[in-house]
Amino acid sequence: MLSFPETTPSDARLARRFAQLKALYLERSAHHSYPVAIPERLLELHAASLRADTATKRMEIQRGLDAWRQALDDATPK
């Protein structure tokens, strides 16, 4: 689903974060159903991260991942 060519330490950190969030989503989605927009947004962020060539763009991706994680947490039944 998400592959990431690692080229710099910043890219590697971002790739690890995507791997962690993907694993979290897969774990939770095994027990709950989520709106289609949640995995689609993760894929959009992944595509944007492949084009992110500056620290500012990578930070925007990190903020997007924070918002994505919050949306996943909000959609997860308690």
PDB file of N, CA and C in Angstrom:
ATOM      1  N   MET A   1       0.826  -1.188   0.000  1.00  0.00           N
ATOM      2  CA  MET A   1       0.000   0.000   0.000  1.00  0.00           C
ATOM      3  C   MET A   1       0.869   1.250   0.000  1.00  0.00           C
ATOM      4  N   LEU A   2       1.763   1.381   0.968  1.00  0.00           N
ATOM      5  CA  LEU A   2       2.613   2.558   1.041  1.00  0.00           C
ATOM      6  C   LEU A   2       4.065   2.148   0.962  1.00  0.00           C
ATOM      7  N   SER A   3       4.702   2.483  -0.133  1.00  0.00           N
ATOM      8  CA  SER A   3       6.138   2.243  -0.234  1.00  0.00           C
ATOM      9  C   SER A   3       6.822   3.595  -0.204  1.00  0.00           C
ATOM     10  N   PHE A   4       8.035   3.620   0.267  1.00  0.00           N
ATOM     11  CA  PHE A   4       8.726   4.884   0.472  1.00  0.00           C
ATOM     12  C   PHE A   4      10.212   4.718   0.192  1.00  0.00           C
ATOM     13  N   PRO A   5      10.731   5.316  -0.872  1.00  0.00           N
ATOM     14  CA  PRO A   5      12.172   5.245  -1.084  1.00  0.00           C
ATOM     15  C   PRO A   5      12.886   6.143  -0.075  1.00  0.00           C
ATOM     16  N   GLU A   6      13.744   5.562   0.722  1.00  0.00           N
ATOM     17  CA  GLU A   6      14.446   6.334   1.751  1.00  0.00           C
ATOM     18  C   GLU A   6      15.711   6.938   1.153  1.00  0.00           C
ATOM     19  N   THR A   7      15.822   8.262   1.243  1.00  0.00           N
ATOM     20  CA  THR A   7      17.009   8.919   0.696  1.00  0.00           C
ATOM     21  C   THR A   7      17.725   9.784   1.720  1.00  0.00           C
ATOM     22  N   THR A   8      17.009  10.361   2.667  1.00  0.00           N
ATOM     23  CA  THR A   8      17.614  11.216   3.681  1.00  0.00           C
ATOM     24  C   THR A   8      17.070  10.817   5.051  1.00  0.00           C
ATOM     25  N   PRO A   9      17.729  11.232   6.115  1.00  0.00           N
ATOM     26  CA  PRO A   9      17.194  10.931   7.455  1.00  0.00           C
ATOM     27  C   PRO A   9      15.772  11.476   7.657  1.00  0.00           C
ATOM     28  N   SER A  10      15.488  12.654   7.116  1.00  0.00           N
ATOM     29  CA  SER A  10      14.143  13.215   7.242  1.00  0.00           C
ATOM     30  C   SER A  10      13.128  12.349   6.520  1.00  0.00           C
ATOM     31  N   ASP A  11      13.486  11.869   5.335  1.00  0.00           N
ATOM     32  CA  ASP A  11      12.603  10.977   4.585  1.00  0.00           C
ATOM     33  C   ASP A  11      12.404   9.668   5.340  1.00  0.00           C
ATOM     34  N   ALA A  12      13.454   9.179   5.967  1.00  0.00           N
ATOM     35  CA  ALA A  12      13.361   7.922   6.719  1.00  0.00           C
ATOM     36  C   ALA A  12      12.424   8.079   7.912  1.00  0.00           C
ATOM     37  N   ARG A  13      12.510   9.206   8.610  1.00  0.00           N
ATOM     38  CA  ARG A  13      11.609   9.452   9.748  1.00  0.00           C
ATOM     39  C   ARG A  13      10.162   9.531   9.281  1.00  0.00           C
ATOM     40  N   LEU A  14       9.944  10.206   8.172  1.00  0.00           N
ATOM     41  CA  LEU A  14       8.599  10.314   7.626  1.00  0.00           C
ATOM     42  C   LEU A  14       8.090   8.942   7.192  1.00  0.00           C
ATOM     43  N   ALA A  15       8.949   8.137   6.604  1.00  0.00           N
ATOM     44  CA  ALA A  15       8.563   6.789   6.186  1.00  0.00           C
ATOM     45  C   ALA A  15       8.195   5.932   7.394  1.00  0.00           C
ATOM     46  N   ARG A  16       8.953   6.046   8.474  1.00  0.00           N
ATOM     47  CA  ARG A  16       8.629   5.295   9.693  1.00  0.00           C
ATOM     48  C   ARG A  16       7.281   5.721  10.262  1.00  0.00           C
ATOM     49  N   ARG A  17       7.014   7.007  10.218  1.00  0.00           N
ATOM     50  CA  ARG A  17       5.733   7.498  10.733  1.00  0.00           C
ATOM     51  C   ARG A  17       4.581   6.969   9.894  1.00  0.00           C
ATOM     52  N   PHE A  18       4.740   6.962   8.574  1.00  0.00           N
ATOM     53  CA  PHE A  18       3.702   6.385   7.719  1.00  0.00           C
ATOM     54  C   PHE A  18       3.507   4.908   8.042  1.00  0.00           C
ATOM     55  N   ALA A  19       4.586   4.184   8.246  1.00  0.00           N
ATOM     56  CA  ALA A  19       4.481   2.753   8.565  1.00  0.00           C
ATOM     57  C   ALA A  19       3.740   2.548   9.881  1.00  0.00           C
ATOM     58  N   GLN A  20       4.034   3.370  10.879  1.00  0.00           N
ATOM     59  CA  GLN A  20       3.361   3.258  12.174  1.00  0.00           C
ATOM     60  C   GLN A  20       1.873   3.565  12.058  1.00  0.00           C
ATOM     61  N   LEU A  21       1.537   4.624  11.324  1.00  0.00           N
ATOM     62  CA  LEU A  21       0.137   4.998  11.188  1.00  0.00           C
ATOM     63  C   LEU A  21      -0.625   3.997  10.324  1.00  0.00           C
ATOM     64  N   LYS A  22       0.032   3.456   9.320  1.00  0.00           N
ATOM     65  CA  LYS A  22      -0.602   2.420   8.500  1.00  0.00           C
ATOM     66  C   LYS A  22      -0.906   1.199   9.367  1.00  0.00           C
ATOM     67  N   ALA A  23       0.044   0.795  10.190  1.00  0.00           N
ATOM     68  CA  ALA A  23      -0.165  -0.354  11.076  1.00  0.00           C
ATOM     69  C   ALA A  23      -1.301  -0.077  12.053  1.00  0.00           C
ATOM     70  N   LEU A  24      -1.360   1.134  12.591  1.00  0.00           N
ATOM     71  CA  LEU A  24      -2.435   1.505  13.504  1.00  0.00           C
ATOM     72  C   LEU A  24      -3.783   1.418  12.795  1.00  0.00           C
ATOM     73  N   TYR A  25      -3.855   1.955  11.578  1.00  0.00           N
ATOM     74  CA  TYR A  25      -5.104   1.903  10.823  1.00  0.00           C
ATOM     75  C   TYR A  25      -5.507   0.454  10.543  1.00  0.00           C
ATOM     76  N   LEU A  26      -4.568  -0.363  10.108  1.00  0.00           N
ATOM     77  CA  LEU A  26      -4.891  -1.753   9.794  1.00  0.00           C
ATOM     78  C   LEU A  26      -5.368  -2.505  11.033  1.00  0.00           C
ATOM     79  N   GLU A  27      -4.741  -2.233  12.161  1.00  0.00           N
ATOM     80  CA  GLU A  27      -5.149  -2.883  13.410  1.00  0.00           C
ATOM     81  C   GLU A  27      -6.577  -2.478  13.786  1.00  0.00           C
ATOM     82  N   ARG A  28      -6.839  -1.183  13.744  1.00  0.00           N
ATOM     83  CA  ARG A  28      -8.162  -0.700  14.130  1.00  0.00           C
ATOM     84  C   ARG A  28      -9.232  -1.091  13.112  1.00  0.00           C
ATOM     85  N   SER A  29      -8.893  -1.069  11.829  1.00  0.00           N
ATOM     86  CA  SER A  29      -9.897  -1.373  10.809  1.00  0.00           C
ATOM     87  C   SER A  29     -10.262  -2.855  10.799  1.00  0.00           C
ATOM     88  N   ALA A  30      -9.464  -3.678  11.447  1.00  0.00           N
ATOM     89  CA  ALA A  30      -9.820  -5.085  11.579  1.00  0.00           C
ATOM     90  C   ALA A  30     -11.005  -5.253  12.532  1.00  0.00           C
ATOM     91  N   HIS A  31     -11.221  -4.276  13.407  1.00  0.00           N
ATOM     92  CA  HIS A  31     -12.287  -4.353  14.401  1.00  0.00           C
ATOM     93  C   HIS A  31     -13.429  -3.381  14.148  1.00  0.00           C
ATOM     94  N   HIS A  32     -13.178  -2.320  13.399  1.00  0.00           N
ATOM     95  CA  HIS A  32     -14.173  -1.272  13.184  1.00  0.00           C
ATOM     96  C   HIS A  32     -14.185  -0.893  11.709  1.00  0.00           C
ATOM     97  N   SER A  33     -15.313  -0.387  11.254  1.00  0.00           N
ATOM     98  CA  SER A  33     -15.356   0.142   9.896  1.00  0.00           C
ATOM     99  C   SER A  33     -15.186   1.658   9.966  1.00  0.00           C
ATOM    100  N   TYR A  34     -14.519   2.187   8.968  1.00  0.00           N
ATOM    101  CA  TYR A  34     -14.232   3.614   8.919  1.00  0.00           C
ATOM    102  C   TYR A  34     -14.744   4.196   7.607  1.00  0.00           C
ATOM    103  N   PRO A  35     -15.035   5.495   7.586  1.00  0.00           N
ATOM    104  CA  PRO A  35     -15.406   6.135   6.325  1.00  0.00           C
ATOM    105  C   PRO A  35     -14.254   5.998   5.315  1.00  0.00           C
ATOM    106  N   VAL A  36     -14.607   5.897   4.057  1.00  0.00           N
ATOM    107  CA  VAL A  36     -13.604   5.726   2.999  1.00  0.00           C
ATOM    108  C   VAL A  36     -12.629   6.901   2.965  1.00  0.00           C
ATOM    109  N   ALA A  37     -13.052   8.051   3.426  1.00  0.00           N
ATOM    110  CA  ALA A  37     -12.195   9.242   3.388  1.00  0.00           C
ATOM    111  C   ALA A  37     -10.940   9.082   4.245  1.00  0.00           C
ATOM    112  N   ILE A  38     -10.996   8.275   5.286  1.00  0.00           N
ATOM    113  CA  ILE A  38      -9.832   8.150   6.175  1.00  0.00           C
ATOM    114  C   ILE A  38      -8.659   7.469   5.472  1.00  0.00           C
ATOM    115  N   PRO A  39      -8.820   6.277   4.894  1.00  0.00           N
ATOM    116  CA  PRO A  39      -7.658   5.710   4.198  1.00  0.00           C
ATOM    117  C   PRO A  39      -7.273   6.497   2.949  1.00  0.00           C
ATOM    118  N   GLU A  40      -8.266   7.102   2.291  1.00  0.00           N
ATOM    119  CA  GLU A  40      -7.948   7.912   1.107  1.00  0.00           C
ATOM    120  C   GLU A  40      -7.061   9.095   1.485  1.00  0.00           C
ATOM    121  N   ARG A  41      -7.346   9.723   2.608  1.00  0.00           N
ATOM    122  CA  ARG A  41      -6.530  10.866   3.052  1.00  0.00           C
ATOM    123  C   ARG A  41      -5.099  10.431   3.353  1.00  0.00           C
ATOM    124  N   LEU A  42      -4.931   9.255   3.941  1.00  0.00           N
ATOM    125  CA  LEU A  42      -3.580   8.758   4.207  1.00  0.00           C
ATOM    126  C   LEU A  42      -2.835   8.546   2.897  1.00  0.00           C
ATOM    127  N   LEU A  43      -3.507   8.015   1.890  1.00  0.00           N
ATOM    128  CA  LEU A  43      -2.870   7.821   0.584  1.00  0.00           C
ATOM    129  C   LEU A  43      -2.530   9.156  -0.074  1.00  0.00           C
ATOM    130  N   GLU A  44      -3.400  10.146   0.092  1.00  0.00           N
ATOM    131  CA  GLU A  44      -3.114  11.484  -0.446  1.00  0.00           C
ATOM    132  C   GLU A  44      -1.876  12.079   0.222  1.00  0.00           C
ATOM    133  N   LEU A  45      -1.794  11.941   1.532  1.00  0.00           N
ATOM    134  CA  LEU A  45      -0.630  12.453   2.256  1.00  0.00           C
ATOM    135  C   LEU A  45       0.636  11.724   1.820  1.00  0.00           C
ATOM    136  N   HIS A  46       0.521  10.427   1.593  1.00  0.00           N
ATOM    137  CA  HIS A  46       1.672   9.652   1.140  1.00  0.00           C
ATOM    138  C   HIS A  46       2.140  10.149  -0.216  1.00  0.00           C
ATOM    139  N   ALA A  47       1.212  10.352  -1.137  1.00  0.00           N
ATOM    140  CA  ALA A  47       1.581  10.854  -2.467  1.00  0.00           C
ATOM    141  C   ALA A  47       2.243  12.223  -2.364  1.00  0.00           C
ATOM    142  N   ALA A  48       1.700  13.087  -1.513  1.00  0.00           N
ATOM    143  CA  ALA A  48       2.294  14.418  -1.325  1.00  0.00           C
ATOM    144  C   ALA A  48       3.688  14.318  -0.713  1.00  0.00           C
ATOM    145  N   SER A  49       3.879  13.355   0.171  1.00  0.00           N
ATOM    146  CA  SER A  49       5.185  13.215   0.816  1.00  0.00           C
ATOM    147  C   SER A  49       6.258  12.769  -0.175  1.00  0.00           C
ATOM    148  N   LEU A  50       5.858  12.030  -1.190  1.00  0.00           N
ATOM    149  CA  LEU A  50       6.834  11.616  -2.207  1.00  0.00           C
ATOM    150  C   LEU A  50       7.329  12.804  -3.024  1.00  0.00           C
ATOM    151  N   ARG A  51       6.530  13.855  -3.076  1.00  0.00           N
ATOM    152  CA  ARG A  51       6.919  15.068  -3.803  1.00  0.00           C
ATOM    153  C   ARG A  51       7.548  16.119  -2.883  1.00  0.00           C
ATOM    154  N   ALA A  52       7.479  15.913  -1.576  1.00  0.00           N
ATOM    155  CA  ALA A  52       7.990  16.895  -0.612  1.00  0.00           C
ATOM    156  C   ALA A  52       9.511  16.917  -0.668  1.00  0.00           C
ATOM    157  N   ASP A  53      10.045  18.029  -1.126  1.00  0.00           N
ATOM    158  CA  ASP A  53      11.493  18.126  -1.284  1.00  0.00           C
ATOM    159  C   ASP A  53      12.134  19.180  -0.381  1.00  0.00           C
ATOM    160  N   THR A  54      11.337  19.796   0.475  1.00  0.00           N
ATOM    161  CA  THR A  54      11.883  20.779   1.412  1.00  0.00           C
ATOM    162  C   THR A  54      11.392  20.459   2.819  1.00  0.00           C
ATOM    163  N   ALA A  55      12.073  21.015   3.782  1.00  0.00           N
ATOM    164  CA  ALA A  55      11.681  20.803   5.179  1.00  0.00           C
ATOM    165  C   ALA A  55      10.293  21.374   5.444  1.00  0.00           C
ATOM    166  N   THR A  56       9.970  22.482   4.819  1.00  0.00           N
ATOM    167  CA  THR A  56       8.654  23.087   5.009  1.00  0.00           C
ATOM    168  C   THR A  56       7.554  22.165   4.515  1.00  0.00           C
ATOM    169  N   LYS A  57       7.760  21.571   3.353  1.00  0.00           N
ATOM    170  CA  LYS A  57       6.758  20.646   2.811  1.00  0.00           C
ATOM    171  C   LYS A  57       6.649  19.395   3.668  1.00  0.00           C
ATOM    172  N   ARG A  58       7.778  18.891   4.173  1.00  0.00           N
ATOM    173  CA  ARG A  58       7.726  17.727   5.054  1.00  0.00           C
ATOM    174  C   ARG A  58       6.993  18.054   6.355  1.00  0.00           C
ATOM    175  N   MET A  59       7.161  19.273   6.867  1.00  0.00           N
ATOM    176  CA  MET A  59       6.457  19.686   8.075  1.00  0.00           C
ATOM    177  C   MET A  59       4.958  19.761   7.808  1.00  0.00           C
ATOM    178  N   GLU A  60       4.561  20.225   6.630  1.00  0.00           N
ATOM    179  CA  GLU A  60       3.143  20.246   6.280  1.00  0.00           C
ATOM    180  C   GLU A  60       2.578  18.820   6.258  1.00  0.00           C
ATOM    181  N   ILE A  61       3.362  17.879   5.769  1.00  0.00           N
ATOM    182  CA  ILE A  61       2.947  16.472   5.754  1.00  0.00           C
ATOM    183  C   ILE A  61       2.779  15.978   7.196  1.00  0.00           C
ATOM    184  N   GLN A  62       3.739  16.328   8.065  1.00  0.00           N
ATOM    185  CA  GLN A  62       3.654  15.916   9.472  1.00  0.00           C
ATOM    186  C   GLN A  62       2.377  16.475  10.122  1.00  0.00           C
ATOM    187  N   ARG A  63       2.062  17.731   9.821  1.00  0.00           N
ATOM    188  CA  ARG A  63       0.831  18.320  10.365  1.00  0.00           C
ATOM    189  C   ARG A  63      -0.396  17.609   9.807  1.00  0.00           C
ATOM    190  N   GLY A  64      -0.338  17.267   8.526  1.00  0.00           N
ATOM    191  CA  GLY A  64      -1.432  16.510   7.928  1.00  0.00           C
ATOM    192  C   GLY A  64      -1.598  15.150   8.576  1.00  0.00           C
ATOM    193  N   LEU A  65      -0.481  14.508   8.914  1.00  0.00           N
ATOM    194  CA  LEU A  65      -0.535  13.211   9.593  1.00  0.00           C
ATOM    195  C   LEU A  65      -1.105  13.356  11.004  1.00  0.00           C
ATOM    196  N   ASP A  66      -0.758  14.455  11.678  1.00  0.00           N
ATOM    197  CA  ASP A  66      -1.346  14.711  13.003  1.00  0.00           C
ATOM    198  C   ASP A  66      -2.863  14.831  12.892  1.00  0.00           C
ATOM    199  N   ALA A  67      -3.334  15.579  11.893  1.00  0.00           N
ATOM    200  CA  ALA A  67      -4.771  15.756  11.690  1.00  0.00           C
ATOM    201  C   ALA A  67      -5.421  14.435  11.298  1.00  0.00           C
ATOM    202  N   TRP A  68      -4.737  13.640  10.485  1.00  0.00           N
ATOM    203  CA  TRP A  68      -5.260  12.336  10.080  1.00  0.00           C
ATOM    204  C   TRP A  68      -5.407  11.425  11.300  1.00  0.00           C
ATOM    205  N   ARG A  69      -4.397  11.417  12.146  1.00  0.00           N
ATOM    206  CA  ARG A  69      -4.442  10.589  13.363  1.00  0.00           C
ATOM    207  C   ARG A  69      -5.601  11.019  14.252  1.00  0.00           C
ATOM    208  N   GLN A  70      -5.820  12.322  14.363  1.00  0.00           N
ATOM    209  CA  GLN A  70      -6.927  12.829  15.175  1.00  0.00           C
ATOM    210  C   GLN A  70      -8.263  12.391  14.575  1.00  0.00           C
ATOM    211  N   ALA A  71      -8.388  12.452  13.247  1.00  0.00           N
ATOM    212  CA  ALA A  71      -9.623  12.012  12.588  1.00  0.00           C
ATOM    213  C   ALA A  71      -9.851  10.521  12.817  1.00  0.00           C
ATOM    214  N   LEU A  72      -8.775   9.730  12.781  1.00  0.00           N
ATOM    215  CA  LEU A  72      -8.895   8.296  13.040  1.00  0.00           C
ATOM    216  C   LEU A  72      -9.327   8.056  14.483  1.00  0.00           C
ATOM    217  N   ASP A  73      -8.724   8.768  15.413  1.00  0.00           N
ATOM    218  CA  ASP A  73      -9.092   8.621  16.825  1.00  0.00           C
ATOM    219  C   ASP A  73     -10.551   9.028  17.048  1.00  0.00           C
ATOM    220  N   ASP A  74     -10.981  10.118  16.403  1.00  0.00           N
ATOM    221  CA  ASP A  74     -12.358  10.586  16.567  1.00  0.00           C
ATOM    222  C   ASP A  74     -13.360   9.590  15.987  1.00  0.00           C
ATOM    223  N   ALA A  75     -12.970   8.896  14.913  1.00  0.00           N
ATOM    224  CA  ALA A  75     -13.885   7.952  14.256  1.00  0.00           C
ATOM    225  C   ALA A  75     -13.879   6.571  14.911  1.00  0.00           C
ATOM    226  N   THR A  76     -12.926   6.344  15.808  1.00  0.00           N
ATOM    227  CA  THR A  76     -12.839   5.036  16.461  1.00  0.00           C
ATOM    228  C   THR A  76     -13.826   4.957  17.608  1.00  0.00           C
ATOM    229  N   PRO A  77     -14.717   3.952  17.585  1.00  0.00           N
ATOM    230  CA  PRO A  77     -15.664   3.805  18.704  1.00  0.00           C
ATOM    231  C   PRO A  77     -14.915   3.566  20.018  1.00  0.00           C
ATOM    232  N   LYS A  78     -15.450   4.119  21.054  1.00  0.00           N
ATOM    233  CA  LYS A  78     -14.807   3.960  22.377  1.00  0.00           C
ATOM    234  C   LYS A  78     -15.393   2.781  23.101  1.00  0.00           C
TER     235      LYS A  78
END
